[in-house]
Amino acid sequence: MSLSARIFITCVVLIGLSIGLILQSVTDELIPGMRQSLEEVLVDTANLLAEVVEQEVFSGEIGEGDFASQMSAFSQRRVNASISSLQKEDSNLVVYITDEMGKVIYDSTGQNTGNDFSQWNDVYLTLRGSYGARTTRRNPKDANSSVMYVAAPIMKNNQVVGVLSVGKPSVSVQPYFEQAVRAIETKVMMLSFVSLLVVMLLIYWVTLSIRQLTDYARNVQQGKRNPMPVLREKELAQLANAMDAMRVSLEGKNYVENYLHSLTHELKSPLAAIQGAVELLKEDMPVDAREKFIHNIGNESQRMRQVVEQLLKLASLEKRQQLEDVEEFDPDALVLQLCEDKSPVLEQKQIQVQSTVAHGTQLNAERFLVQQAISNLLDNAIDFSKEKDVISINSYVSLGQWHLHIRDHGPGIPDYALANVFERFYSLPRPHNNLKSTGLGLSLVYEVAQLHRGQIKVQNAEGDGVESILSLPLV
C-alpha cells in the first residue's frame, strides 16, 4: 500500500471517529438541553397560572369559573405561528389543579377530575414545599408518549392549599429536535467533505516532494540530466542532498572506470602501430620506406592526440548537470559562419552548400557548445559526401524550439549501425579513404543537446544520404 493511501485511510478513520463522537455528543446533550429549556418555560407558566387561579380555588369556583372557561376557549384557539420553519397550529398545554390533599379539582382535559394525584412527584413534592416535576408516559410502551409536568404551589396565608401542574408532551418539541439534528448533520457532512479535501491537498503537498525525489532518482538511473529538486521540507532536503552526493560519488567512480577502459581500448591500436614502426625503423631499409613509417608514426600520434582531446571535452561535458555560460546569440549566423570557416575543405572537394536559415532568431544557450555541436555535424556531412555533392542546411523555429537540418548525399548509415551512432568511439569508415574518426563527435553532439534539454536525431534520408536534426529550446 502506498504512503498516500495509508495517510488517506488513517485520516478518513480519524475523521469518521471524530464525526461519530460529535454526533453522539450532540444527541446526548441536545435532548436533555431541550427538555431543560422546556422545563424552565413550564416553571414560569405554572407559577403564573397559580397566581391567576388563587382566588377561584379559595372560593371553590375553579371548576365553573372564568379560568375554566378561558382554558376551554384556549384549547379551541387556533395558532398560526412559524417557528424555525415549522408551523404550529394548536396548543397542547395541559393543566390540572389539586387541593391540599392531592385530589384533582380541575383538569383541562376533563379526564382526571376527582382522581387522587397525591403520590405523583409533581404534586407530592410541591405539597411538601419542594420543587415538584415529573415525566410520565401515557403509553408505557411508547417513548414518544411522555408528558413533562411541572407544578407550582397555590398559597393562602403562606400555607400550601393546592397545586397547579402544567404539562407539555415531549413529542411537541420532537420536530425542533429533529430539525436541529438534521442541521447539525448537514454541517457535519460539509465539514467532513472540507476535511477530506484538506487531507487530499495535504497528502498531495507532502508527497509532492517525495515524487520529485523519485523522479530525480529515476532520471539519474536513466542517465538524464536533471537538477536536484529544491525541497522546502528540511528532512527531505537533507535526503535529496545525500542522494545527490551519492550520485556524484558513484558516477565519479563508474565514470573513471569507463573512461579508463575506453581510453585504453582506443589507444591500444595506435600504440601498437607506433611500436611496430619503431621496431622496423631499427633495421636498415630504403629511404622511401623509412619516410613511410615515420609518416605513419606521425599520423598515429596525431590520432592519439585527437582521441585524448576529444575525450577530455566529452568527459568535461558529461559531468555537467546544467548550463553555465548562457548567452543570447543568433544560431543561424553561427551556422553561416561555420560554413564560411569550412570553405577551404568544401572547395577542395567541390561540395556545394545550399542553406535556408531563419534569420533573426535569438537562442539562449552556451554558444561555445552549440558551435562545437554544429561543427561536428558539418564535419560528418563533409566527410561522407563525395566530390561535387550538395549539402542542404535548413533551419526554422517551431513550438519554442530552433531546429537545424543538415543533409548530405553520401552512402547513408547501414541498418546495423543506426542504433550505435551516438556511442563513444563508434565510427564508420569514410567513403573516400576508408579511415575512421575518433568516434566521439556525435557523442559530444548528443551531450550538448541533452545539456540544453534539446534533441538530436541522425537518420537515413529518403533517397540517399543522412539527415541530422538538432533541436534546441530557445530559452
Protein backbone atom coordinates (compact mmCIF):
# COMPACT_ATOMS: atom_id res chain seq x y z
CA MET A 1 0.00 0.00 0.00
CA SER A 2 1.34 3.41 -0.95
CA LEU A 3 2.16 6.10 1.60
CA SER A 4 -0.59 8.34 0.20
CA ALA A 5 -3.18 5.58 0.65
CA ARG A 6 -2.06 4.93 4.21
CA ILE A 7 -2.23 8.60 5.15
CA PHE A 8 -5.64 8.96 3.47
CA ILE A 9 -7.12 5.88 5.17
CA THR A 10 -5.75 6.98 8.55
CA CYS A 11 -7.23 10.45 8.17
CA VAL A 12 -10.58 9.06 6.98
CA VAL A 13 -10.75 6.78 10.03
CA LEU A 14 -9.87 9.66 12.37
CA ILE A 15 -12.42 11.96 10.71
CA GLY A 16 -15.07 9.23 10.87
CA LEU A 17 -14.44 8.59 14.56
CA SER A 18 -14.47 12.32 15.29
CA ILE A 19 -17.75 12.79 13.43
CA GLY A 20 -19.29 9.83 15.26
CA LEU A 21 -18.23 11.23 18.62
CA ILE A 22 -19.54 14.69 17.71
CA LEU A 23 -22.94 13.37 16.61
CA GLN A 24 -23.19 11.14 19.67
CA SER A 25 -22.29 14.05 21.96
CA VAL A 26 -24.83 16.27 20.23
CA THR A 27 -27.53 13.64 20.63
CA ASP A 28 -26.63 13.05 24.27
CA GLU A 29 -26.58 16.76 25.09
CA LEU A 30 -29.27 18.15 22.82
CA ILE A 31 -32.24 16.16 24.12
CA PRO A 32 -31.57 16.92 27.79
CA GLY A 33 -30.87 20.55 26.92
CA MET A 34 -34.16 20.94 25.06
CA ARG A 35 -36.03 19.25 27.91
CA GLN A 36 -34.39 21.60 30.41
CA SER A 37 -35.43 24.57 28.29
CA LEU A 38 -38.98 23.23 28.15
CA GLU A 39 -38.98 22.66 31.90
CA GLU A 40 -37.79 26.21 32.55
CA VAL A 41 -40.69 27.63 30.49
CA LEU A 42 -43.18 25.35 32.27
CA VAL A 43 -41.93 26.55 35.68
CA ASP A 44 -42.77 30.16 34.77
CA THR A 45 -46.09 29.15 33.27
CA ALA A 46 -47.11 27.09 36.32
CA ASN A 47 -46.27 29.85 38.79
CA LEU A 48 -48.06 32.48 36.69
CA LEU A 49 -51.24 30.38 36.45
CA ALA A 50 -51.06 29.54 40.16
CA GLU A 51 -51.35 33.28 40.90
CA VAL A 52 -54.22 33.62 38.38
CA VAL A 53 -56.36 30.80 39.88
CA GLU A 54 -55.62 31.55 43.54
CA GLN A 55 -58.96 33.34 44.23
CA GLU A 56 -61.10 30.82 42.37
CA VAL A 57 -59.50 27.95 44.28
CA PHE A 58 -60.21 29.74 47.59
CA SER A 59 -63.84 30.34 46.61
CA GLY A 60 -64.37 26.81 45.27
CA GLU A 61 -65.34 28.10 41.80
CA ILE A 62 -62.39 26.69 39.90
CA GLY A 63 -64.47 24.16 38.01
CA GLU A 64 -67.07 26.68 36.85
CA GLY A 65 -65.20 29.97 36.98
CA ASP A 66 -63.52 32.21 34.49
CA PHE A 67 -60.31 30.16 34.40
CA ALA A 68 -62.16 27.01 33.28
CA SER A 69 -63.95 28.90 30.52
CA GLN A 70 -60.77 30.62 29.41
CA MET A 71 -58.90 27.31 29.31
CA SER A 72 -61.75 25.82 27.26
CA ALA A 73 -61.50 28.73 24.82
CA PHE A 74 -57.72 28.37 24.81
CA SER A 75 -57.98 24.70 23.84
CA GLN A 76 -60.21 25.70 20.90
CA ARG A 77 -57.94 28.52 19.79
CA ARG A 78 -56.08 28.09 16.51
CA VAL A 79 -52.46 29.23 16.48
CA ASN A 80 -50.70 30.35 13.32
CA ALA A 81 -47.03 30.51 14.29
CA SER A 82 -43.98 29.69 12.17
CA ILE A 83 -41.15 28.59 14.42
CA SER A 84 -37.83 27.76 12.75
CA SER A 85 -39.68 26.98 9.51
CA LEU A 86 -42.04 24.65 11.41
CA GLN A 87 -45.75 25.55 11.56
CA LYS A 88 -47.57 25.46 14.94
CA GLU A 89 -51.39 25.45 14.63
CA ASP A 90 -52.78 24.33 18.03
CA SER A 91 -51.84 24.22 21.70
CA ASN A 92 -51.11 21.03 23.61
CA LEU A 93 -50.70 22.56 27.06
CA VAL A 94 -52.30 20.50 29.87
CA VAL A 95 -53.29 21.99 33.26
CA TYR A 96 -54.71 20.34 36.35
CA ILE A 97 -55.26 21.62 39.89
CA THR A 98 -55.41 19.63 43.14
CA ASP A 99 -56.47 20.57 46.63
CA GLU A 100 -54.23 20.34 49.69
CA MET A 101 -54.86 16.56 49.83
CA GLY A 102 -53.73 15.94 46.27
CA LYS A 103 -57.24 15.37 44.85
CA VAL A 104 -57.81 16.75 41.36
CA ILE A 105 -60.37 19.55 41.45
CA TYR A 106 -59.79 20.75 37.89
CA ASP A 107 -58.41 19.06 34.73
CA SER A 108 -58.24 20.84 31.37
CA THR A 109 -58.67 17.50 29.63
CA GLY A 110 -61.69 16.58 31.77
CA GLN A 111 -60.37 13.06 32.31
CA ASN A 112 -58.80 13.13 35.78
CA THR A 113 -61.17 15.27 37.89
CA GLY A 114 -61.68 13.63 41.27
CA ASN A 115 -58.61 11.39 40.98
CA ASP A 116 -56.01 11.21 43.70
CA PHE A 117 -52.71 12.58 42.41
CA SER A 118 -51.12 12.95 45.82
CA GLN A 119 -48.47 10.34 45.01
CA TRP A 120 -47.34 11.90 41.76
CA ASN A 121 -43.96 13.56 42.22
CA ASP A 122 -45.07 16.96 40.98
CA VAL A 123 -47.97 17.11 43.47
CA TYR A 124 -46.31 15.18 46.30
CA LEU A 125 -43.18 17.33 46.43
CA THR A 126 -44.98 20.64 45.92
CA LEU A 127 -47.40 19.97 48.77
CA ARG A 128 -44.34 19.50 50.98
CA GLY A 129 -42.77 22.79 49.98
CA SER A 130 -40.30 21.37 47.44
CA TYR A 131 -39.95 21.81 43.72
CA GLY A 132 -42.12 19.19 42.04
CA ALA A 133 -41.83 17.87 38.48
CA ARG A 134 -42.27 14.57 36.68
CA THR A 135 -42.25 12.96 33.25
CA THR A 136 -44.79 10.20 32.67
CA ARG A 137 -45.62 8.12 29.61
CA ARG A 138 -49.25 7.98 28.61
CA ASN A 139 -48.43 4.66 26.96
CA PRO A 140 -45.71 2.80 28.91
CA LYS A 141 -44.53 1.10 25.68
CA ASP A 142 -44.25 4.32 23.64
CA ALA A 143 -41.29 6.57 24.45
CA ASN A 144 -42.83 9.37 22.38
CA SER A 145 -45.95 9.49 24.59
CA SER A 146 -44.17 11.01 27.58
CA VAL A 147 -45.51 14.25 29.11
CA MET A 148 -43.50 16.59 31.32
CA TYR A 149 -45.36 18.09 34.30
CA VAL A 150 -44.11 20.99 36.38
CA ALA A 151 -46.09 22.08 39.49
CA ALA A 152 -46.41 25.34 41.43
CA PRO A 153 -47.99 25.79 44.87
CA ILE A 154 -51.26 27.68 45.43
CA MET A 155 -50.72 29.64 48.63
CA LYS A 156 -53.04 31.10 51.32
CA ASN A 157 -51.60 32.81 54.33
CA ASN A 158 -48.19 31.28 53.47
CA GLN A 159 -49.77 27.83 53.51
CA VAL A 160 -49.97 25.44 50.56
CA VAL A 161 -53.64 24.87 49.91
CA GLY A 162 -53.33 23.38 46.45
CA VAL A 163 -51.12 22.58 43.49
CA LEU A 164 -51.34 23.72 39.89
CA SER A 165 -49.42 21.47 37.47
CA VAL A 166 -48.72 22.35 33.86
CA GLY A 167 -47.94 19.56 31.39
CA LYS A 168 -46.41 19.57 27.95
CA PRO A 169 -45.98 16.45 25.74
CA SER A 170 -42.32 15.83 24.98
CA VAL A 171 -43.29 14.99 21.43
CA SER A 172 -44.19 18.64 20.93
CA VAL A 173 -40.51 19.54 20.87
CA GLN A 174 -39.52 16.48 18.79
CA PRO A 175 -39.81 18.26 15.41
CA TYR A 176 -37.47 21.01 16.64
CA PHE A 177 -35.05 18.41 17.92
CA GLU A 178 -35.11 16.53 14.61
CA GLN A 179 -34.68 19.77 12.68
CA ALA A 180 -31.69 20.71 14.85
CA VAL A 181 -30.17 17.25 14.40
CA ARG A 182 -30.63 17.45 10.61
CA ALA A 183 -29.00 20.88 10.53
CA ILE A 184 -26.09 19.61 12.61
CA GLU A 185 -25.71 16.51 10.43
CA THR A 186 -25.67 18.69 7.29
CA LYS A 187 -22.96 20.91 8.74
CA VAL A 188 -21.00 17.89 9.93
CA MET A 189 -21.17 16.37 6.44
CA MET A 190 -19.98 19.63 4.94
CA LEU A 191 -17.19 19.73 7.50
CA SER A 192 -16.31 16.13 6.61
CA PHE A 193 -16.15 16.97 2.92
CA VAL A 194 -13.95 20.00 3.57
CA SER A 195 -11.76 17.92 5.90
CA LEU A 196 -11.31 15.21 3.26
CA LEU A 197 -10.48 17.87 0.67
CA VAL A 198 -7.89 19.38 3.02
CA VAL A 199 -6.50 15.89 3.70
CA MET A 200 -6.12 15.20 -0.02
CA LEU A 201 -4.42 18.56 -0.56
CA LEU A 202 -2.15 17.84 2.40
CA ILE A 203 -1.30 14.39 1.03
CA TYR A 204 -0.57 15.91 -2.38
CA TRP A 205 1.63 18.58 -0.78
CA VAL A 206 3.51 16.08 1.39
CA THR A 207 4.00 13.51 -1.36
CA LEU A 208 4.91 16.12 -3.99
CA SER A 209 8.43 16.36 -2.62
CA ILE A 210 8.66 12.58 -2.45
CA ARG A 211 7.54 12.32 -6.09
CA GLN A 212 10.15 14.92 -7.05
CA LEU A 213 12.82 12.85 -5.30
CA THR A 214 11.55 9.71 -7.04
CA ASP A 215 11.63 11.40 -10.47
CA TYR A 216 15.12 12.70 -9.73
CA ALA A 217 16.35 9.21 -8.77
CA ARG A 218 14.70 7.69 -11.86
CA ASN A 219 16.28 10.30 -14.14
CA VAL A 220 19.68 9.64 -12.59
CA GLN A 221 19.17 5.93 -13.17
CA GLN A 222 18.29 6.59 -16.83
CA GLY A 223 21.29 8.88 -17.26
CA LYS A 224 19.19 12.01 -17.80
CA ARG A 225 20.40 15.41 -16.77
CA ASN A 226 18.05 16.86 -14.20
CA PRO A 227 18.96 19.32 -11.45
CA MET A 228 18.41 18.24 -7.90
CA PRO A 229 14.91 19.34 -6.78
CA VAL A 230 14.65 22.22 -4.33
CA LEU A 231 12.58 20.96 -1.39
CA ARG A 232 11.14 23.07 1.42
CA GLU A 233 10.95 20.23 3.93
CA LYS A 234 14.20 20.17 5.91
CA GLU A 235 14.33 16.37 6.29
CA LEU A 236 13.56 15.68 2.62
CA ALA A 237 16.05 18.37 1.55
CA GLN A 238 18.72 16.58 3.58
CA LEU A 239 17.75 13.31 1.90
CA ALA A 240 17.98 14.95 -1.53
CA ASN A 241 21.46 16.29 -0.73
CA ALA A 242 22.55 12.86 0.44
CA MET A 243 21.18 11.28 -2.77
CA ASP A 244 22.97 13.85 -4.91
CA ALA A 245 26.23 13.29 -3.04
CA MET A 246 25.84 9.54 -3.50
CA ARG A 247 25.14 10.08 -7.22
CA VAL A 248 28.26 12.18 -7.62
CA SER A 249 30.35 9.60 -5.78
CA LEU A 250 29.02 6.64 -7.75
CA GLU A 251 29.10 8.44 -11.08
CA GLY A 252 32.65 9.57 -10.44
CA LYS A 253 33.82 6.05 -9.72
CA ASN A 254 32.00 4.48 -12.67
CA TYR A 255 32.96 7.39 -14.88
CA VAL A 256 36.68 6.93 -14.25
CA GLU A 257 36.43 3.17 -14.75
CA ASN A 258 34.52 3.50 -18.03
CA TYR A 259 36.81 6.17 -19.43
CA LEU A 260 39.96 4.35 -18.47
CA HIS A 261 38.64 1.25 -20.18
CA SER A 262 37.60 3.22 -23.30
CA LEU A 263 40.84 5.19 -23.48
CA THR A 264 42.94 2.06 -23.04
CA HIS A 265 40.99 0.30 -25.78
CA GLU A 266 41.29 3.17 -28.24
CA LEU A 267 44.97 3.88 -27.64
CA LYS A 268 45.95 0.24 -27.90
CA SER A 269 45.77 0.17 -31.71
CA PRO A 270 47.85 3.33 -32.48
CA LEU A 271 50.39 2.42 -29.82
CA ALA A 272 50.81 -1.00 -31.40
CA ALA A 273 51.25 0.63 -34.81
CA ILE A 274 53.84 3.08 -33.44
CA GLN A 275 55.71 0.32 -31.63
CA GLY A 276 55.77 -1.83 -34.77
CA ALA A 277 57.03 1.09 -36.86
CA VAL A 278 59.79 1.86 -34.31
CA GLU A 279 60.95 -1.76 -34.35
CA LEU A 280 61.13 -1.74 -38.14
CA LEU A 281 62.98 1.59 -38.19
CA LYS A 282 65.80 -0.03 -36.19
CA GLU A 283 66.60 -2.11 -39.25
CA ASP A 284 68.20 -0.93 -42.48
CA MET A 285 65.62 -0.07 -45.13
CA PRO A 286 65.24 2.17 -48.14
CA VAL A 287 64.71 5.87 -47.55
CA ASP A 288 61.20 5.79 -49.06
CA ALA A 289 60.13 3.00 -46.68
CA ARG A 290 61.66 4.80 -43.72
CA GLU A 291 59.78 8.00 -44.64
CA LYS A 292 56.57 5.98 -44.87
CA PHE A 293 56.98 4.54 -41.39
CA ILE A 294 57.89 7.94 -39.97
CA HIS A 295 54.76 9.37 -41.60
CA ASN A 296 52.67 6.56 -40.05
CA ILE A 297 54.12 7.31 -36.61
CA GLY A 298 53.13 10.95 -37.06
CA ASN A 299 49.59 10.01 -38.14
CA GLU A 300 49.10 7.62 -35.23
CA SER A 301 50.46 10.20 -32.78
CA GLN A 302 48.05 12.78 -34.19
CA ARG A 303 45.20 10.30 -33.85
CA MET A 304 46.08 9.67 -30.19
CA ARG A 305 46.20 13.39 -29.53
CA GLN A 306 42.78 13.85 -31.12
CA VAL A 307 41.34 10.98 -29.11
CA VAL A 308 42.66 12.44 -25.84
CA GLU A 309 41.47 15.98 -26.65
CA GLN A 310 38.01 14.86 -27.74
CA LEU A 311 37.73 12.54 -24.77
CA LEU A 312 38.62 15.35 -22.36
CA LYS A 313 35.99 17.61 -23.92
CA LEU A 314 33.37 14.88 -23.73
CA ALA A 315 34.31 13.99 -20.16
CA SER A 316 34.02 17.61 -19.07
CA LEU A 317 30.64 17.87 -20.76
CA GLU A 318 29.19 14.62 -19.40
CA LYS A 319 29.94 15.56 -15.79
CA ARG A 320 27.93 18.77 -16.01
CA GLN A 321 24.31 18.81 -14.82
CA GLN A 322 23.33 22.26 -16.05
CA LEU A 323 24.33 25.11 -18.35
CA GLU A 324 26.85 27.65 -17.13
CA ASP A 325 27.87 30.42 -19.57
CA VAL A 326 24.46 31.07 -21.13
CA GLU A 327 24.22 33.95 -23.56
CA GLU A 328 21.86 35.20 -26.24
CA PHE A 329 23.03 34.83 -29.85
CA ASP A 330 21.81 34.21 -33.38
CA PRO A 331 22.28 30.47 -34.12
CA ASP A 332 21.68 30.93 -37.84
CA ALA A 333 24.51 33.46 -38.08
CA LEU A 334 26.67 30.91 -36.27
CA VAL A 335 25.78 28.24 -38.87
CA LEU A 336 26.70 30.54 -41.75
CA GLN A 337 29.97 31.49 -40.04
CA LEU A 338 30.91 27.81 -39.58
CA CYS A 339 30.16 27.13 -43.25
CA GLU A 340 32.45 30.01 -44.13
CA ASP A 341 35.18 28.62 -41.85
CA LYS A 342 34.97 25.24 -43.58
CA SER A 343 35.02 26.72 -47.10
CA PRO A 344 38.60 25.50 -47.83
CA VAL A 345 37.56 21.88 -47.31
CA LEU A 346 34.32 22.41 -49.21
CA GLU A 347 36.19 23.97 -52.15
CA GLN A 348 38.76 21.19 -52.14
CA LYS A 349 36.00 18.55 -52.55
CA GLN A 350 33.96 20.92 -54.73
CA ILE A 351 30.98 20.48 -52.40
CA GLN A 352 28.15 22.99 -52.72
CA VAL A 353 26.19 24.15 -49.66
CA GLN A 354 22.53 25.12 -50.09
CA SER A 355 21.25 26.91 -46.97
CA THR A 356 17.85 28.26 -45.96
CA VAL A 357 18.02 29.69 -42.46
CA ALA A 358 15.60 31.65 -40.30
CA HIS A 359 17.36 34.96 -39.80
CA GLY A 360 16.78 36.94 -36.63
CA THR A 361 16.36 34.00 -34.25
CA GLN A 362 17.73 34.53 -30.75
CA LEU A 363 18.84 31.47 -28.79
CA ASN A 364 19.69 31.46 -25.08
CA ALA A 365 22.38 28.80 -24.76
CA GLU A 366 26.10 28.17 -24.37
CA ARG A 367 27.48 29.50 -27.64
CA PHE A 368 30.72 27.51 -27.50
CA LEU A 369 28.95 24.16 -27.00
CA VAL A 370 26.38 24.85 -29.72
CA GLN A 371 29.22 25.83 -32.04
CA GLN A 372 31.05 22.54 -31.29
CA ALA A 373 27.88 20.51 -31.95
CA ILE A 374 27.09 22.22 -35.29
CA SER A 375 30.73 21.98 -36.36
CA ASN A 376 30.77 18.21 -35.71
CA LEU A 377 27.55 17.73 -37.69
CA LEU A 378 29.00 19.71 -40.61
CA ASP A 379 32.25 17.73 -40.45
CA ASN A 380 30.31 14.46 -40.66
CA ALA A 381 28.30 15.72 -43.62
CA ILE A 382 31.51 16.80 -45.42
CA ASP A 383 33.40 13.57 -44.60
CA PHE A 384 30.65 11.32 -46.02
CA SER A 385 29.97 13.46 -49.12
CA LYS A 386 31.55 12.67 -52.45
CA GLU A 387 33.18 15.28 -54.64
CA LYS A 388 30.75 17.74 -56.25
CA ASP A 389 27.97 16.66 -53.86
CA VAL A 390 25.44 19.06 -52.34
CA ILE A 391 24.88 19.56 -48.61
CA SER A 392 21.50 21.07 -47.62
CA ILE A 393 21.20 23.17 -44.47
CA ASN A 394 17.81 24.39 -43.27
CA SER A 395 16.68 25.95 -40.00
CA TYR A 396 13.34 27.13 -38.64
CA VAL A 397 11.58 27.90 -35.35
CA SER A 398 8.62 25.84 -34.16
CA LEU A 399 6.92 25.36 -30.76
CA GLY A 400 9.56 27.34 -28.91
CA GLN A 401 12.49 25.41 -30.42
CA TRP A 402 15.12 26.13 -33.02
CA HIS A 403 15.56 23.24 -35.46
CA LEU A 404 18.61 22.69 -37.69
CA HIS A 405 18.50 20.14 -40.54
CA ILE A 406 21.76 19.11 -42.24
CA ARG A 407 21.58 16.60 -45.07
CA ASP A 408 24.30 15.03 -47.19
CA HIS A 409 24.01 12.69 -50.20
CA GLY A 410 26.58 10.14 -49.11
CA PRO A 411 26.24 6.35 -48.76
CA GLY A 412 23.98 6.54 -45.68
CA ILE A 413 24.21 4.58 -42.44
CA PRO A 414 23.97 0.78 -42.51
CA ASP A 415 20.96 -0.58 -40.64
CA TYR A 416 23.17 -2.38 -38.12
CA ALA A 417 24.87 0.91 -37.17
CA LEU A 418 21.80 3.17 -36.74
CA ALA A 419 21.38 2.34 -33.06
CA ASN A 420 25.08 2.92 -32.27
CA VAL A 421 25.86 6.27 -33.89
CA PHE A 422 25.92 8.12 -30.53
CA GLU A 423 28.11 5.60 -28.71
CA ARG A 424 31.61 6.69 -27.74
CA PHE A 425 34.36 5.58 -30.16
CA TYR A 426 31.81 4.15 -32.63
CA SER A 427 32.76 5.26 -36.11
CA LEU A 428 32.15 4.22 -39.71
CA PRO A 429 34.85 4.34 -42.41
CA ARG A 430 34.82 7.41 -44.66
CA PRO A 431 33.98 6.51 -48.26
CA HIS A 432 36.94 8.37 -49.81
CA ASN A 433 39.75 6.85 -47.71
CA ASN A 434 38.12 4.14 -45.52
CA LEU A 435 39.59 5.79 -42.41
CA LYS A 436 37.59 6.17 -39.19
CA SER A 437 37.34 9.19 -36.94
CA THR A 438 37.71 9.17 -33.17
CA GLY A 439 34.05 8.23 -32.84
CA LEU A 440 33.47 11.00 -30.31
CA GLY A 441 31.93 13.71 -32.49
CA LEU A 442 28.30 12.57 -32.37
CA SER A 443 28.67 11.63 -28.70
CA LEU A 444 29.59 15.25 -28.00
CA VAL A 445 26.63 16.48 -30.08
CA TYR A 446 24.31 14.21 -28.08
CA GLU A 447 25.64 15.52 -24.76
CA VAL A 448 25.27 19.15 -25.91
CA ALA A 449 21.64 18.50 -26.91
CA GLN A 450 20.89 16.76 -23.61
CA LEU A 451 22.51 19.52 -21.56
CA HIS A 452 20.33 22.11 -23.35
CA ARG A 453 17.17 19.96 -22.88
CA GLY A 454 17.12 19.53 -26.63
CA GLN A 455 17.28 16.62 -29.03
CA ILE A 456 19.47 15.25 -31.82
CA LYS A 457 18.40 12.76 -34.49
CA VAL A 458 20.65 11.17 -37.09
CA GLN A 459 18.84 9.05 -39.66
CA ASN A 460 18.92 7.98 -43.27
CA ALA A 461 17.17 10.46 -45.53
CA GLU A 462 14.71 9.49 -48.23
CA GLY A 463 16.54 8.58 -51.40
CA ASP A 464 20.15 8.76 -50.27
CA GLY A 465 22.36 10.34 -47.66
CA VAL A 466 21.97 11.09 -43.98
CA GLU A 467 19.87 13.74 -42.28
CA SER A 468 20.92 15.22 -38.92
CA ILE A 469 18.26 17.15 -36.96
CA LEU A 470 19.37 19.27 -34.00
CA SER A 471 16.56 20.80 -31.90
CA LEU A 472 17.31 23.27 -29.10
CA PRO A 473 14.80 25.25 -26.95
CA LEU A 474 15.02 28.99 -27.49
CA VAL A 475 15.15 29.54 -23.72
